[in-house]
Amino acid sequence: MTIASSSAKAITAYSFAGYTGAVGTINETAKTIAVTVPFGTPLQPWLRPSQTTGAVVNVGTTVQTSLSTPNNFTSPVAYIVTAGDASTATYTVTVTNRL
């Protein structure tokens, strides 16, 4: 008997450590995540997201480690989620400052 690899590839939660209330709104159908951070928050590489998924997550070729891999959010960032069966899903994360 052979057990198939998991096809699970979803980001089920998304937020930034240290920014209470900056929780991502996930649109699973469109594969988009929108996050609003407090006014004046820099959107450059020191933002370290916490994402929850049952698979490997990359931005480009960089493997993402929850709470430690920084990204530059001055423009949307594409997260590629790879399941155990090697199938993928791409989520586009857009971060904006609260006015």
PDB file of N, CA and C in Angstrom:
ATOM      1  N   MET A   1       0.844  -1.167   0.000  1.00  0.00           N
ATOM      2  CA  MET A   1       0.000   0.000   0.000  1.00  0.00           C
ATOM      3  C   MET A   1       0.896   1.240   0.000  1.00  0.00           C
ATOM      4  N   THR A   2       0.544   2.208  -0.828  1.00  0.00           N
ATOM      5  CA  THR A   2       1.253   3.478  -0.877  1.00  0.00           C
ATOM      6  C   THR A   2       0.309   4.578  -0.452  1.00  0.00           C
ATOM      7  N   ILE A   3       0.757   5.423   0.458  1.00  0.00           N
ATOM      8  CA  ILE A   3      -0.059   6.557   0.902  1.00  0.00           C
ATOM      9  C   ILE A   3       0.376   7.781   0.121  1.00  0.00           C
ATOM     10  N   ALA A   4      -0.584   8.442  -0.501  1.00  0.00           N
ATOM     11  CA  ALA A   4      -0.284   9.625  -1.316  1.00  0.00           C
ATOM     12  C   ALA A   4       0.167  10.782  -0.432  1.00  0.00           C
ATOM     13  N   SER A   5       1.053  11.608  -0.973  1.00  0.00           N
ATOM     14  CA  SER A   5       1.487  12.812  -0.271  1.00  0.00           C
ATOM     15  C   SER A   5       0.324  13.791  -0.170  1.00  0.00           C
ATOM     16  N   SER A   6       0.361  14.620   0.841  1.00  0.00           N
ATOM     17  CA  SER A   6      -0.704  15.591   1.063  1.00  0.00           C
ATOM     18  C   SER A   6      -0.747  16.640  -0.039  1.00  0.00           C
ATOM     19  N   SER A   7      -1.957  17.039  -0.412  1.00  0.00           N
ATOM     20  CA  SER A   7      -2.131  18.104  -1.397  1.00  0.00           C
ATOM     21  C   SER A   7      -2.472  19.433  -0.710  1.00  0.00           C
ATOM     22  N   ALA A   8      -2.411  19.464   0.631  1.00  0.00           N
ATOM     23  CA  ALA A   8      -2.750  20.678   1.381  1.00  0.00           C
ATOM     24  C   ALA A   8      -1.738  21.782   1.094  1.00  0.00           C
ATOM     25  N   LYS A   9      -2.248  22.948   0.710  1.00  0.00           N
ATOM     26  CA  LYS A   9      -1.372  24.079   0.383  1.00  0.00           C
ATOM     27  C   LYS A   9      -2.147  25.382   0.575  1.00  0.00           C
ATOM     28  N   ALA A  10      -2.368  25.732   1.824  1.00  0.00           N
ATOM     29  CA  ALA A  10      -3.137  26.940   2.123  1.00  0.00           C
ATOM     30  C   ALA A  10      -2.468  27.744   3.219  1.00  0.00           C
ATOM     31  N   ILE A  11      -2.558  29.059   3.094  1.00  0.00           N
ATOM     32  CA  ILE A  11      -2.179  29.931   4.201  1.00  0.00           C
ATOM     33  C   ILE A  11      -3.485  30.205   4.933  1.00  0.00           C
ATOM     34  N   THR A  12      -3.564  29.757   6.177  1.00  0.00           N
ATOM     35  CA  THR A  12      -4.819  29.848   6.921  1.00  0.00           C
ATOM     36  C   THR A  12      -4.868  31.022   7.893  1.00  0.00           C
ATOM     37  N   ALA A  13      -3.717  31.631   8.157  1.00  0.00           N
ATOM     38  CA  ALA A  13      -3.665  32.814   9.029  1.00  0.00           C
ATOM     39  C   ALA A  13      -2.423  33.607   8.652  1.00  0.00           C
ATOM     40  N   TYR A  14      -2.488  34.923   8.823  1.00  0.00           N
ATOM     41  CA  TYR A  14      -1.349  35.761   8.446  1.00  0.00           C
ATOM     42  C   TYR A  14      -1.367  37.010   9.312  1.00  0.00           C
ATOM     43  N   SER A  15      -0.241  37.299   9.956  1.00  0.00           N
ATOM     44  CA  SER A  15      -0.152  38.499  10.798  1.00  0.00           C
ATOM     45  C   SER A  15       1.312  38.887  10.938  1.00  0.00           C
ATOM     46  N   PHE A  16       1.554  40.036  11.575  1.00  0.00           N
ATOM     47  CA  PHE A  16       2.911  40.494  11.841  1.00  0.00           C
ATOM     48  C   PHE A  16       3.151  40.506  13.336  1.00  0.00           C
ATOM     49  N   ALA A  17       4.239  39.911  13.758  1.00  0.00           N
ATOM     50  CA  ALA A  17       4.601  39.894  15.172  1.00  0.00           C
ATOM     51  C   ALA A  17       4.804  41.322  15.663  1.00  0.00           C
ATOM     52  N   GLY A  18       4.243  41.638  16.809  1.00  0.00           N
ATOM     53  CA  GLY A  18       4.423  42.950  17.407  1.00  0.00           C
ATOM     54  C   GLY A  18       3.445  44.000  16.929  1.00  0.00           C
ATOM     55  N   TYR A  19       2.563  43.655  16.014  1.00  0.00           N
ATOM     56  CA  TYR A  19       1.586  44.611  15.501  1.00  0.00           C
ATOM     57  C   TYR A  19       0.179  44.089  15.782  1.00  0.00           C
ATOM     58  N   THR A  20      -0.289  44.311  16.995  1.00  0.00           N
ATOM     59  CA  THR A  20      -1.623  43.863  17.383  1.00  0.00           C
ATOM     60  C   THR A  20      -2.659  44.486  16.451  1.00  0.00           C
ATOM     61  N   GLY A  21      -3.540  43.697  15.955  1.00  0.00           N
ATOM     62  CA  GLY A  21      -4.591  44.194  15.064  1.00  0.00           C
ATOM     63  C   GLY A  21      -4.202  44.174  13.601  1.00  0.00           C
ATOM     64  N   ALA A  22      -2.951  43.907  13.283  1.00  0.00           N
ATOM     65  CA  ALA A  22      -2.508  43.835  11.886  1.00  0.00           C
ATOM     66  C   ALA A  22      -2.620  42.390  11.414  1.00  0.00           C
ATOM     67  N   VAL A  23      -3.856  41.937  11.269  1.00  0.00           N
ATOM     68  CA  VAL A  23      -4.129  40.553  10.892  1.00  0.00           C
ATOM     69  C   VAL A  23      -4.579  40.524   9.436  1.00  0.00           C
ATOM     70  N   GLY A  24      -4.071  39.580   8.695  1.00  0.00           N
ATOM     71  CA  GLY A  24      -4.414  39.474   7.283  1.00  0.00           C
ATOM     72  C   GLY A  24      -5.828  38.991   7.056  1.00  0.00           C
ATOM     73  N   THR A  25      -6.477  39.615   6.071  1.00  0.00           N
ATOM     74  CA  THR A  25      -7.786  39.162   5.619  1.00  0.00           C
ATOM     75  C   THR A  25      -7.528  38.294   4.391  1.00  0.00           C
ATOM     76  N   ILE A  26      -7.847  37.023   4.514  1.00  0.00           N
ATOM     77  CA  ILE A  26      -7.538  36.057   3.457  1.00  0.00           C
ATOM     78  C   ILE A  26      -8.760  35.819   2.580  1.00  0.00           C
ATOM     79  N   ASN A  27      -8.574  35.990   1.269  1.00  0.00           N
ATOM     80  CA  ASN A  27      -9.594  35.636   0.286  1.00  0.00           C
ATOM     81  C   ASN A  27      -9.086  34.368  -0.385  1.00  0.00           C
ATOM     82  N   GLU A  28      -9.563  33.237   0.074  1.00  0.00           N
ATOM     83  CA  GLU A  28      -9.064  31.944  -0.398  1.00  0.00           C
ATOM     84  C   GLU A  28      -9.346  31.731  -1.885  1.00  0.00           C
ATOM     85  N   THR A  29     -10.498  32.175  -2.359  1.00  0.00           N
ATOM     86  CA  THR A  29     -10.846  32.004  -3.768  1.00  0.00           C
ATOM     87  C   THR A  29      -9.882  32.751  -4.681  1.00  0.00           C
ATOM     88  N   ALA A  30      -9.592  34.018  -4.327  1.00  0.00           N
ATOM     89  CA  ALA A  30      -8.695  34.846  -5.145  1.00  0.00           C
ATOM     90  C   ALA A  30      -7.226  34.631  -4.791  1.00  0.00           C
ATOM     91  N   LYS A  31      -6.968  33.916  -3.695  1.00  0.00           N
ATOM     92  CA  LYS A  31      -5.598  33.688  -3.195  1.00  0.00           C
ATOM     93  C   LYS A  31      -4.905  35.025  -2.901  1.00  0.00           C
ATOM     94  N   THR A  32      -5.614  35.915  -2.208  1.00  0.00           N
ATOM     95  CA  THR A  32      -5.044  37.198  -1.812  1.00  0.00           C
ATOM     96  C   THR A  32      -5.131  37.350  -0.301  1.00  0.00           C
ATOM     97  N   ILE A  33      -4.188  38.135   0.236  1.00  0.00           N
ATOM     98  CA  ILE A  33      -4.183  38.450   1.662  1.00  0.00           C
ATOM     99  C   ILE A  33      -3.932  39.945   1.780  1.00  0.00           C
ATOM    100  N   ALA A  34      -4.816  40.645   2.492  1.00  0.00           N
ATOM    101  CA  ALA A  34      -4.681  42.082   2.704  1.00  0.00           C
ATOM    102  C   ALA A  34      -4.427  42.334   4.186  1.00  0.00           C
ATOM    103  N   VAL A  35      -3.392  43.141   4.474  1.00  0.00           N
ATOM    104  CA  VAL A  35      -3.045  43.461   5.854  1.00  0.00           C
ATOM    105  C   VAL A  35      -2.916  44.975   5.965  1.00  0.00           C
ATOM    106  N   THR A  36      -3.557  45.541   6.984  1.00  0.00           N
ATOM    107  CA  THR A  36      -3.404  46.967   7.273  1.00  0.00           C
ATOM    108  C   THR A  36      -2.613  47.085   8.565  1.00  0.00           C
ATOM    109  N   VAL A  37      -1.519  47.854   8.509  1.00  0.00           N
ATOM    110  CA  VAL A  37      -0.660  48.054   9.673  1.00  0.00           C
ATOM    111  C   VAL A  37      -0.844  49.479  10.188  1.00  0.00           C
ATOM    112  N   PRO A  38      -0.454  49.753  11.442  1.00  0.00           N
ATOM    113  CA  PRO A  38      -0.607  51.094  11.999  1.00  0.00           C
ATOM    114  C   PRO A  38       0.092  52.158  11.137  1.00  0.00           C
ATOM    115  N   PHE A  39      -0.478  53.359  11.129  1.00  0.00           N
ATOM    116  CA  PHE A  39       0.077  54.483  10.376  1.00  0.00           C
ATOM    117  C   PHE A  39       1.562  54.660  10.684  1.00  0.00           C
ATOM    118  N   GLY A  40       2.346  54.852   9.639  1.00  0.00           N
ATOM    119  CA  GLY A  40       3.777  55.100   9.809  1.00  0.00           C
ATOM    120  C   GLY A  40       4.639  53.859   9.901  1.00  0.00           C
ATOM    121  N   THR A  41       4.037  52.670   9.885  1.00  0.00           N
ATOM    122  CA  THR A  41       4.832  51.439   9.951  1.00  0.00           C
ATOM    123  C   THR A  41       5.654  51.302   8.672  1.00  0.00           C
ATOM    124  N   PRO A  42       6.969  51.167   8.785  1.00  0.00           N
ATOM    125  CA  PRO A  42       7.778  50.969   7.576  1.00  0.00           C
ATOM    126  C   PRO A  42       7.448  49.625   6.934  1.00  0.00           C
ATOM    127  N   LEU A  43       7.333  49.606   5.619  1.00  0.00           N
ATOM    128  CA  LEU A  43       6.946  48.387   4.907  1.00  0.00           C
ATOM    129  C   LEU A  43       8.147  47.642   4.345  1.00  0.00           C
ATOM    130  N   GLN A  44       9.325  47.987   4.820  1.00  0.00           N
ATOM    131  CA  GLN A  44      10.537  47.375   4.289  1.00  0.00           C
ATOM    132  C   GLN A  44      10.977  46.175   5.108  1.00  0.00           C
ATOM    133  N   PRO A  45      12.122  45.586   4.801  1.00  0.00           N
ATOM    134  CA  PRO A  45      12.471  44.243   5.261  1.00  0.00           C
ATOM    135  C   PRO A  45      12.391  43.896   6.741  1.00  0.00           C
ATOM    136  N   TRP A  46      12.141  44.803   7.626  1.00  0.00           N
ATOM    137  CA  TRP A  46      12.090  44.378   9.020  1.00  0.00           C
ATOM    138  C   TRP A  46      10.716  43.846   9.414  1.00  0.00           C
ATOM    139  N   LEU A  47       9.720  43.931   8.546  1.00  0.00           N
ATOM    140  CA  LEU A  47       8.442  43.288   8.830  1.00  0.00           C
ATOM    141  C   LEU A  47       8.616  41.786   8.675  1.00  0.00           C
ATOM    142  N   ARG A  48       8.341  41.055   9.747  1.00  0.00           N
ATOM    143  CA  ARG A  48       8.497  39.596   9.735  1.00  0.00           C
ATOM    144  C   ARG A  48       7.137  38.949   9.976  1.00  0.00           C
ATOM    145  N   PRO A  49       6.550  38.393   8.937  1.00  0.00           N
ATOM    146  CA  PRO A  49       5.213  37.824   9.083  1.00  0.00           C
ATOM    147  C   PRO A  49       5.210  36.463   9.757  1.00  0.00           C
ATOM    148  N   SER A  50       4.064  36.162  10.337  1.00  0.00           N
ATOM    149  CA  SER A  50       3.824  34.820  10.829  1.00  0.00           C
ATOM    150  C   SER A  50       2.726  34.265   9.944  1.00  0.00           C
ATOM    151  N   GLN A  51       3.018  33.227   9.210  1.00  0.00           N
ATOM    152  CA  GLN A  51       2.005  32.601   8.373  1.00  0.00           C
ATOM    153  C   GLN A  51       1.814  31.175   8.836  1.00  0.00           C
ATOM    154  N   THR A  52       0.615  30.685   8.688  1.00  0.00           N
ATOM    155  CA  THR A  52       0.324  29.333   9.132  1.00  0.00           C
ATOM    156  C   THR A  52      -0.100  28.504   7.932  1.00  0.00           C
ATOM    157  N   THR A  53       0.554  27.388   7.742  1.00  0.00           N
ATOM    158  CA  THR A  53       0.220  26.490   6.645  1.00  0.00           C
ATOM    159  C   THR A  53       0.802  25.119   6.954  1.00  0.00           C
ATOM    160  N   GLY A  54       0.351  24.120   6.244  1.00  0.00           N
ATOM    161  CA  GLY A  54       0.884  22.786   6.460  1.00  0.00           C
ATOM    162  C   GLY A  54       1.928  22.420   5.433  1.00  0.00           C
ATOM    163  N   ALA A  55       2.500  23.409   4.733  1.00  0.00           N
ATOM    164  CA  ALA A  55       3.424  23.112   3.641  1.00  0.00           C
ATOM    165  C   ALA A  55       4.596  24.084   3.660  1.00  0.00           C
ATOM    166  N   VAL A  56       5.499  23.941   2.698  1.00  0.00           N
ATOM    167  CA  VAL A  56       6.643  24.838   2.552  1.00  0.00           C
ATOM    168  C   VAL A  56       6.178  26.114   1.863  1.00  0.00           C
ATOM    169  N   VAL A  57       6.672  27.266   2.332  1.00  0.00           N
ATOM    170  CA  VAL A  57       6.285  28.557   1.762  1.00  0.00           C
ATOM    171  C   VAL A  57       7.549  29.287   1.316  1.00  0.00           C
ATOM    172  N   ASN A  58       7.538  29.793   0.080  1.00  0.00           N
ATOM    173  CA  ASN A  58       8.663  30.551  -0.467  1.00  0.00           C
ATOM    174  C   ASN A  58       8.192  31.908  -0.974  1.00  0.00           C
ATOM    175  N   VAL A  59       9.099  32.886  -0.942  1.00  0.00           N
ATOM    176  CA  VAL A  59       8.955  34.120  -1.700  1.00  0.00           C
ATOM    177  C   VAL A  59      10.129  34.086  -2.659  1.00  0.00           C
ATOM    178  N   GLY A  60       9.828  33.920  -3.947  1.00  0.00           N
ATOM    179  CA  GLY A  60      10.895  33.673  -4.914  1.00  0.00           C
ATOM    180  C   GLY A  60      11.569  32.363  -4.551  1.00  0.00           C
ATOM    181  N   THR A  61      12.880  32.389  -4.342  1.00  0.00           N
ATOM    182  CA  THR A  61      13.601  31.173  -3.966  1.00  0.00           C
ATOM    183  C   THR A  61      13.901  31.123  -2.468  1.00  0.00           C
ATOM    184  N   THR A  62      13.431  32.129  -1.721  1.00  0.00           N
ATOM    185  CA  THR A  62      13.707  32.194  -0.286  1.00  0.00           C
ATOM    186  C   THR A  62      12.630  31.490   0.513  1.00  0.00           C
ATOM    187  N   VAL A  63      13.015  30.448   1.235  1.00  0.00           N
ATOM    188  CA  VAL A  63      12.078  29.740   2.113  1.00  0.00           C
ATOM    189  C   VAL A  63      11.704  30.669   3.256  1.00  0.00           C
ATOM    190  N   GLN A  64      10.415  30.740   3.550  1.00  0.00           N
ATOM    191  CA  GLN A  64       9.911  31.616   4.597  1.00  0.00           C
ATOM    192  C   GLN A  64       9.806  30.861   5.917  1.00  0.00           C
ATOM    193  N   THR A  65      10.387  31.432   6.959  1.00  0.00           N
ATOM    194  CA  THR A  65      10.287  30.877   8.299  1.00  0.00           C
ATOM    195  C   THR A  65       9.458  31.851   9.117  1.00  0.00           C
ATOM    196  N   SER A  66       8.361  31.363   9.663  1.00  0.00           N
ATOM    197  CA  SER A  66       7.448  32.203  10.424  1.00  0.00           C
ATOM    198  C   SER A  66       8.185  33.007  11.483  1.00  0.00           C
ATOM    199  N   LEU A  67       7.903  34.274  11.555  1.00  0.00           N
ATOM    200  CA  LEU A  67       8.435  35.240  12.521  1.00  0.00           C
ATOM    201  C   LEU A  67       9.912  35.564  12.356  1.00  0.00           C
ATOM    202  N   SER A  68      10.579  35.042  11.324  1.00  0.00           N
ATOM    203  CA  SER A  68      11.993  35.381  11.194  1.00  0.00           C
ATOM    204  C   SER A  68      12.423  35.818   9.796  1.00  0.00           C
ATOM    205  N   THR A  69      11.702  35.455   8.742  1.00  0.00           N
ATOM    206  CA  THR A  69      12.115  35.844   7.393  1.00  0.00           C
ATOM    207  C   THR A  69      11.471  37.177   7.027  1.00  0.00           C
ATOM    208  N   PRO A  70      12.277  38.241   6.878  1.00  0.00           N
ATOM    209  CA  PRO A  70      11.722  39.542   6.535  1.00  0.00           C
ATOM    210  C   PRO A  70      11.443  39.667   5.038  1.00  0.00           C
ATOM    211  N   ASN A  71      10.473  40.500   4.692  1.00  0.00           N
ATOM    212  CA  ASN A  71      10.167  40.798   3.296  1.00  0.00           C
ATOM    213  C   ASN A  71       9.898  42.286   3.154  1.00  0.00           C
ATOM    214  N   ASN A  72      10.069  42.789   1.953  1.00  0.00           N
ATOM    215  CA  ASN A  72       9.802  44.186   1.652  1.00  0.00           C
ATOM    216  C   ASN A  72       8.387  44.280   1.090  1.00  0.00           C
ATOM    217  N   PHE A  73       7.488  44.957   1.803  1.00  0.00           N
ATOM    218  CA  PHE A  73       6.084  45.037   1.413  1.00  0.00           C
ATOM    219  C   PHE A  73       5.716  46.377   0.793  1.00  0.00           C
ATOM    220  N   THR A  74       6.698  47.106   0.205  1.00  0.00           N
ATOM    221  CA  THR A  74       6.365  48.360  -0.466  1.00  0.00           C
ATOM    222  C   THR A  74       5.566  48.101  -1.739  1.00  0.00           C
ATOM    223  N   SER A  75       5.549  46.857  -2.205  1.00  0.00           N
ATOM    224  CA  SER A  75       4.672  46.411  -3.285  1.00  0.00           C
ATOM    225  C   SER A  75       4.198  45.008  -2.904  1.00  0.00           C
ATOM    226  N   PRO A  76       3.136  44.500  -3.555  1.00  0.00           N
ATOM    227  CA  PRO A  76       2.631  43.169  -3.197  1.00  0.00           C
ATOM    228  C   PRO A  76       3.718  42.094  -3.281  1.00  0.00           C
ATOM    229  N   VAL A  77       3.609  41.108  -2.393  1.00  0.00           N
ATOM    230  CA  VAL A  77       4.573  40.010  -2.319  1.00  0.00           C
ATOM    231  C   VAL A  77       3.846  38.698  -2.622  1.00  0.00           C
ATOM    232  N   ALA A  78       4.421  37.893  -3.512  1.00  0.00           N
ATOM    233  CA  ALA A  78       3.825  36.602  -3.875  1.00  0.00           C
ATOM    234  C   ALA A  78       4.437  35.497  -3.022  1.00  0.00           C
ATOM    235  N   TYR A  79       3.593  34.785  -2.300  1.00  0.00           N
ATOM    236  CA  TYR A  79       3.995  33.640  -1.488  1.00  0.00           C
ATOM    237  C   TYR A  79       3.607  32.374  -2.234  1.00  0.00           C
ATOM    238  N   ILE A  80       4.567  31.503  -2.489  1.00  0.00           N
ATOM    239  CA  ILE A  80       4.305  30.247  -3.179  1.00  0.00           C
ATOM    240  C   ILE A  80       4.270  29.138  -2.132  1.00  0.00           C
ATOM    241  N   VAL A  81       3.127  28.498  -2.007  1.00  0.00           N
ATOM    242  CA  VAL A  81       2.927  27.434  -1.026  1.00  0.00           C
ATOM    243  C   VAL A  81       3.014  26.099  -1.766  1.00  0.00           C
ATOM    244  N   THR A  82       3.921  25.236  -1.323  1.00  0.00           N
ATOM    245  CA  THR A  82       4.116  23.936  -1.963  1.00  0.00           C
ATOM    246  C   THR A  82       3.646  22.830  -1.030  1.00  0.00           C
ATOM    247  N   ALA A  83       2.775  21.983  -1.548  1.00  0.00           N
ATOM    248  CA  ALA A  83       2.242  20.856  -0.780  1.00  0.00           C
ATOM    249  C   ALA A  83       3.198  19.674  -0.841  1.00  0.00           C
ATOM    250  N   GLY A  84       2.927  18.681  -0.032  1.00  0.00           N
ATOM    251  CA  GLY A  84       3.744  17.475  -0.017  1.00  0.00           C
ATOM    252  C   GLY A  84       3.764  16.746  -1.343  1.00  0.00           C
ATOM    253  N   ASP A  85       2.694  16.906  -2.148  1.00  0.00           N
ATOM    254  CA  ASP A  85       2.646  16.244  -3.458  1.00  0.00           C
ATOM    255  C   ASP A  85       3.256  17.106  -4.563  1.00  0.00           C
ATOM    256  N   ALA A  86       3.915  18.215  -4.176  1.00  0.00           N
ATOM    257  CA  ALA A  86       4.603  19.152  -5.077  1.00  0.00           C
ATOM    258  C   ALA A  86       3.680  20.089  -5.843  1.00  0.00           C
ATOM    259  N   SER A  87       2.360  20.027  -5.599  1.00  0.00           N
ATOM    260  CA  SER A  87       1.469  21.010  -6.214  1.00  0.00           C
ATOM    261  C   SER A  87       1.633  22.339  -5.475  1.00  0.00           C
ATOM    262  N   THR A  88       1.311  23.458  -6.138  1.00  0.00           N
ATOM    263  CA  THR A  88       1.529  24.773  -5.539  1.00  0.00           C
ATOM    264  C   THR A  88       0.288  25.654  -5.612  1.00  0.00           C
ATOM    265  N   ALA A  89       0.288  26.664  -4.759  1.00  0.00           N
ATOM    266  CA  ALA A  89      -0.709  27.742  -4.792  1.00  0.00           C
ATOM    267  C   ALA A  89       0.062  29.021  -4.500  1.00  0.00           C
ATOM    268  N   THR A  90      -0.287  30.106  -5.196  1.00  0.00           N
ATOM    269  CA  THR A  90       0.380  31.388  -4.983  1.00  0.00           C
ATOM    270  C   THR A  90      -0.598  32.377  -4.382  1.00  0.00           C
ATOM    271  N   TYR A  91      -0.205  32.948  -3.231  1.00  0.00           N
ATOM    272  CA  TYR A  91      -0.994  33.973  -2.547  1.00  0.00           C
ATOM    273  C   TYR A  91      -0.293  35.310  -2.724  1.00  0.00           C
ATOM    274  N   THR A  92      -1.038  36.350  -3.036  1.00  0.00           N
ATOM    275  CA  THR A  92      -0.475  37.695  -3.150  1.00  0.00           C
ATOM    276  C   THR A  92      -0.828  38.467  -1.890  1.00  0.00           C
ATOM    277  N   VAL A  93       0.221  38.934  -1.174  1.00  0.00           N
ATOM    278  CA  VAL A  93       0.025  39.659   0.072  1.00  0.00           C
ATOM    279  C   VAL A  93       0.271  41.155  -0.181  1.00  0.00           C
ATOM    280  N   THR A  94      -0.733  41.959   0.178  1.00  0.00           N
ATOM    281  CA  THR A  94      -0.643  43.409   0.030  1.00  0.00           C
ATOM    282  C   THR A  94      -0.753  44.029   1.414  1.00  0.00           C
ATOM    283  N   VAL A  95       0.215  44.876   1.766  1.00  0.00           N
ATOM    284  CA  VAL A  95       0.233  45.521   3.076  1.00  0.00           C
ATOM    285  C   VAL A  95       0.087  47.028   2.874  1.00  0.00           C
ATOM    286  N   THR A  96      -0.845  47.636   3.615  1.00  0.00           N
ATOM    287  CA  THR A  96      -1.035  49.087   3.548  1.00  0.00           C
ATOM    288  C   THR A  96      -0.996  49.683   4.942  1.00  0.00           C
ATOM    289  N   ASN A  97      -0.647  50.965   5.000  1.00  0.00           N
ATOM    290  CA  ASN A  97      -0.649  51.698   6.260  1.00  0.00           C
ATOM    291  C   ASN A  97      -2.043  52.263   6.511  1.00  0.00           C
ATOM    292  N   ARG A  98      -2.488  52.167   7.740  1.00  0.00           N
ATOM    293  CA  ARG A  98      -3.753  52.766   8.148  1.00  0.00           C
ATOM    294  C   ARG A  98      -3.602  54.272   8.032  1.00  0.00           C
ATOM    295  N   LEU A  99      -4.606  54.921   7.511  1.00  0.00           N
ATOM    296  CA  LEU A  99      -4.562  56.389   7.374  1.00  0.00           C
ATOM    297  C   LEU A  99      -4.919  57.069   8.666  1.00  0.00           C
TER     298      LEU A  99
END
